[in-house]
C-alpha atoms as a PDB file:
ATOM      1  CA  MET A   1       0.000   0.000   0.000  1.00  0.00           C
ATOM      2  CA  MET A   2       2.289   2.751   1.228  1.00  0.00           C
ATOM      3  CA  GLY A   3       5.837   2.454   0.007  1.00  0.00           C
ATOM      4  CA  PRO A   4       8.992   3.884   1.548  1.00  0.00           C
ATOM      5  CA  HIS A   5       8.695   7.048  -0.588  1.00  0.00           C
ATOM      6  CA  CYS A   6       5.282   8.092   0.654  1.00  0.00           C
ATOM      7  CA  TRP A   7       4.859  10.924   3.193  1.00  0.00           C
ATOM      8  CA  GLY A   8       8.468  11.609   4.016  1.00  0.00           C
ATOM      9  CA  GLY A   9       9.784   8.070   4.147  1.00  0.00           C
ATOM     10  CA  GLY A  10      12.149   8.311   1.206  1.00  0.00           C
ATOM     11  CA  PRO A  11      14.999  10.311  -0.221  1.00  0.00           C
ATOM     12  CA  GLY A  12      14.621  13.987  -1.014  1.00  0.00           C
ATOM     13  CA  GLY A  13      13.232  15.206   2.274  1.00  0.00           C
ATOM     14  CA  PHE A  14       9.738  16.673   2.543  1.00  0.00           C
ATOM     15  CA  PHE A  15       7.146  14.142   1.246  1.00  0.00           C
ATOM     16  CA  GLY A  16       9.896  12.194  -0.475  1.00  0.00           C
ATOM     17  CA  HIS A  17      10.228  14.495  -3.480  1.00  0.00           C
ATOM     18  CA  PRO A  18      13.099  16.724  -4.595  1.00  0.00           C
ATOM     19  CA  PHE A  19      10.569  19.581  -4.920  1.00  0.00           C
ATOM     20  CA  GLY A  20       9.849  19.185  -1.219  1.00  0.00           C
ATOM     21  CA  MET A  21      13.546  19.549  -0.488  1.00  0.00           C
ATOM     22  CA  MET A  22      13.507  22.899  -2.298  1.00  0.00           C
ATOM     23  CA  ILE A  23      10.572  24.055  -0.170  1.00  0.00           C
ATOM     24  CA  GLY A  24      12.464  23.107   2.990  1.00  0.00           C
ATOM     25  CA  SER A  25      15.566  24.959   1.814  1.00  0.00           C
ATOM     26  CA  MET A  26      13.523  28.041   0.924  1.00  0.00           C
ATOM     27  CA  PHE A  27      11.865  27.953   4.350  1.00  0.00           C
ATOM     28  CA  TRP A  28      15.189  27.969   6.179  1.00  0.00           C
ATOM     29  CA  ALA A  29      16.597  30.630   3.855  1.00  0.00           C
ATOM     30  CA  LEU A  30      13.611  32.855   4.714  1.00  0.00           C
ATOM     31  CA  VAL A  31      14.071  32.215   8.435  1.00  0.00           C
ATOM     32  CA  ILE A  32      17.758  33.152   8.239  1.00  0.00           C
ATOM     33  CA  TYR A  33      16.961  36.244   6.120  1.00  0.00           C
ATOM     34  CA  GLY A  34      14.308  37.312   8.655  1.00  0.00           C
ATOM     35  CA  LEU A  35      16.817  36.987  11.495  1.00  0.00           C
ATOM     36  CA  PHE A  36      19.319  39.009   9.491  1.00  0.00           C
ATOM     37  CA  LEU A  37      16.776  41.806   8.947  1.00  0.00           C
ATOM     38  CA  PHE A  38      15.765  41.791  12.609  1.00  0.00           C
ATOM     39  CA  ILE A  39      19.344  42.013  13.868  1.00  0.00           C
ATOM     40  CA  SER A  40      20.402  44.661  11.352  1.00  0.00           C
ATOM     41  CA  ASN A  41      17.334  46.756  12.236  1.00  0.00           C
ATOM     42  CA  ARG A  42      18.194  46.557  15.947  1.00  0.00           C
ATOM     43  CA  VAL A  43      21.796  47.557  15.268  1.00  0.00           C
ATOM     44  CA  LYS A  44      20.715  50.541  13.161  1.00  0.00           C
ATOM     45  CA  HIS A  45      18.325  51.817  15.810  1.00  0.00           C
ATOM     46  CA  GLY A  46      20.902  51.332  18.551  1.00  0.00           C
ATOM     47  CA  SER A  47      23.585  53.251  16.683  1.00  0.00           C
ATOM     48  CA  LYS A  48      21.181  56.111  15.915  1.00  0.00           C
ATOM     49  CA  HIS A  49      20.485  56.747  19.570  1.00  0.00           C
ATOM     50  CA  ALA A  50      24.083  56.247  20.638  1.00  0.00           C
ATOM     51  CA  GLY A  51      25.404  58.727  18.067  1.00  0.00           C
ATOM     52  CA  GLN A  52      23.090  61.544  19.085  1.00  0.00           C
ATOM     53  CA  SER A  53      24.201  63.590  22.055  1.00  0.00           C
ATOM     54  CA  GLU A  54      22.399  66.575  23.464  1.00  0.00           C
ATOM     55  CA  THR A  55      24.032  69.944  23.295  1.00  0.00           C
ATOM     56  CA  ALA A  56      24.082  72.275  26.261  1.00  0.00           C
ATOM     57  CA  LEU A  57      21.531  74.482  24.515  1.00  0.00           C
ATOM     58  CA  ASP A  58      19.180  71.501  24.082  1.00  0.00           C
ATOM     59  CA  ILE A  59      19.391  70.767  27.786  1.00  0.00           C
ATOM     60  CA  LEU A  60      18.798  74.428  28.603  1.00  0.00           C
ATOM     61  CA  LYS A  61      15.695  74.495  26.403  1.00  0.00           C
ATOM     62  CA  LYS A  62      14.330  71.392  28.108  1.00  0.00           C
ATOM     63  CA  ARG A  63      14.885  72.901  31.550  1.00  0.00           C
ATOM     64  CA  TYR A  64      13.043  76.047  30.475  1.00  0.00           C
ATOM     65  CA  ALA A  65      10.192  73.983  29.022  1.00  0.00           C
ATOM     66  CA  ARG A  66       9.851  72.031  32.278  1.00  0.00           C
ATOM     67  CA  GLY A  67       9.731  75.265  34.261  1.00  0.00           C
ATOM     68  CA  GLU A  68      12.963  74.666  36.153  1.00  0.00           C
ATOM     69  CA  ILE A  69      14.258  78.105  35.100  1.00  0.00           C
ATOM     70  CA  ASN A  70      12.460  81.313  34.212  1.00  0.00           C
ATOM     71  CA  ALA A  71      12.791  83.411  31.031  1.00  0.00           C
ATOM     72  CA  GLU A  72      15.407  85.726  32.530  1.00  0.00           C
ATOM     73  CA  GLU A  73      17.634  82.846  33.628  1.00  0.00           C
ATOM     74  CA  PHE A  74      17.158  81.187  30.246  1.00  0.00           C
ATOM     75  CA  ALA A  75      18.245  84.322  28.379  1.00  0.00           C
ATOM     76  CA  LEU A  76      21.332  84.761  30.598  1.00  0.00           C
ATOM     77  CA  MET A  77      22.376  81.158  30.234  1.00  0.00           C
ATOM     78  CA  GLN A  78      21.737  81.194  26.496  1.00  0.00           C
ATOM     79  CA  LYS A  79      23.983  84.259  26.069  1.00  0.00           C
ATOM     80  CA  ALA A  80      26.674  82.574  28.130  1.00  0.00           C
ATOM     81  CA  LEU A  81      26.514  79.445  25.968  1.00  0.00           C
ATOM     82  CA  GLU A  82      26.639  81.391  22.721  1.00  0.00           C
ATOM     83  CA  ALA A  83      29.637  83.460  23.820  1.00  0.00           C
END
């Protein structure tokens, strides 16, 4: 009834056919490519944030926006930074 080449029992891998072996190879190639994309995306996002550093003026603007300093202090500190 069922021979050794039926449903994965023979040579060629998946369902015993060479076509099935190609499907298996394509599956693993897609898995590896997906991992490559995932890792490269993580590396790109990590390097973007690591390369950006705040300037003193950026920090001063944030402090003013949070209300830690008033407009007069902001103007004085801004002049000092620009000098």
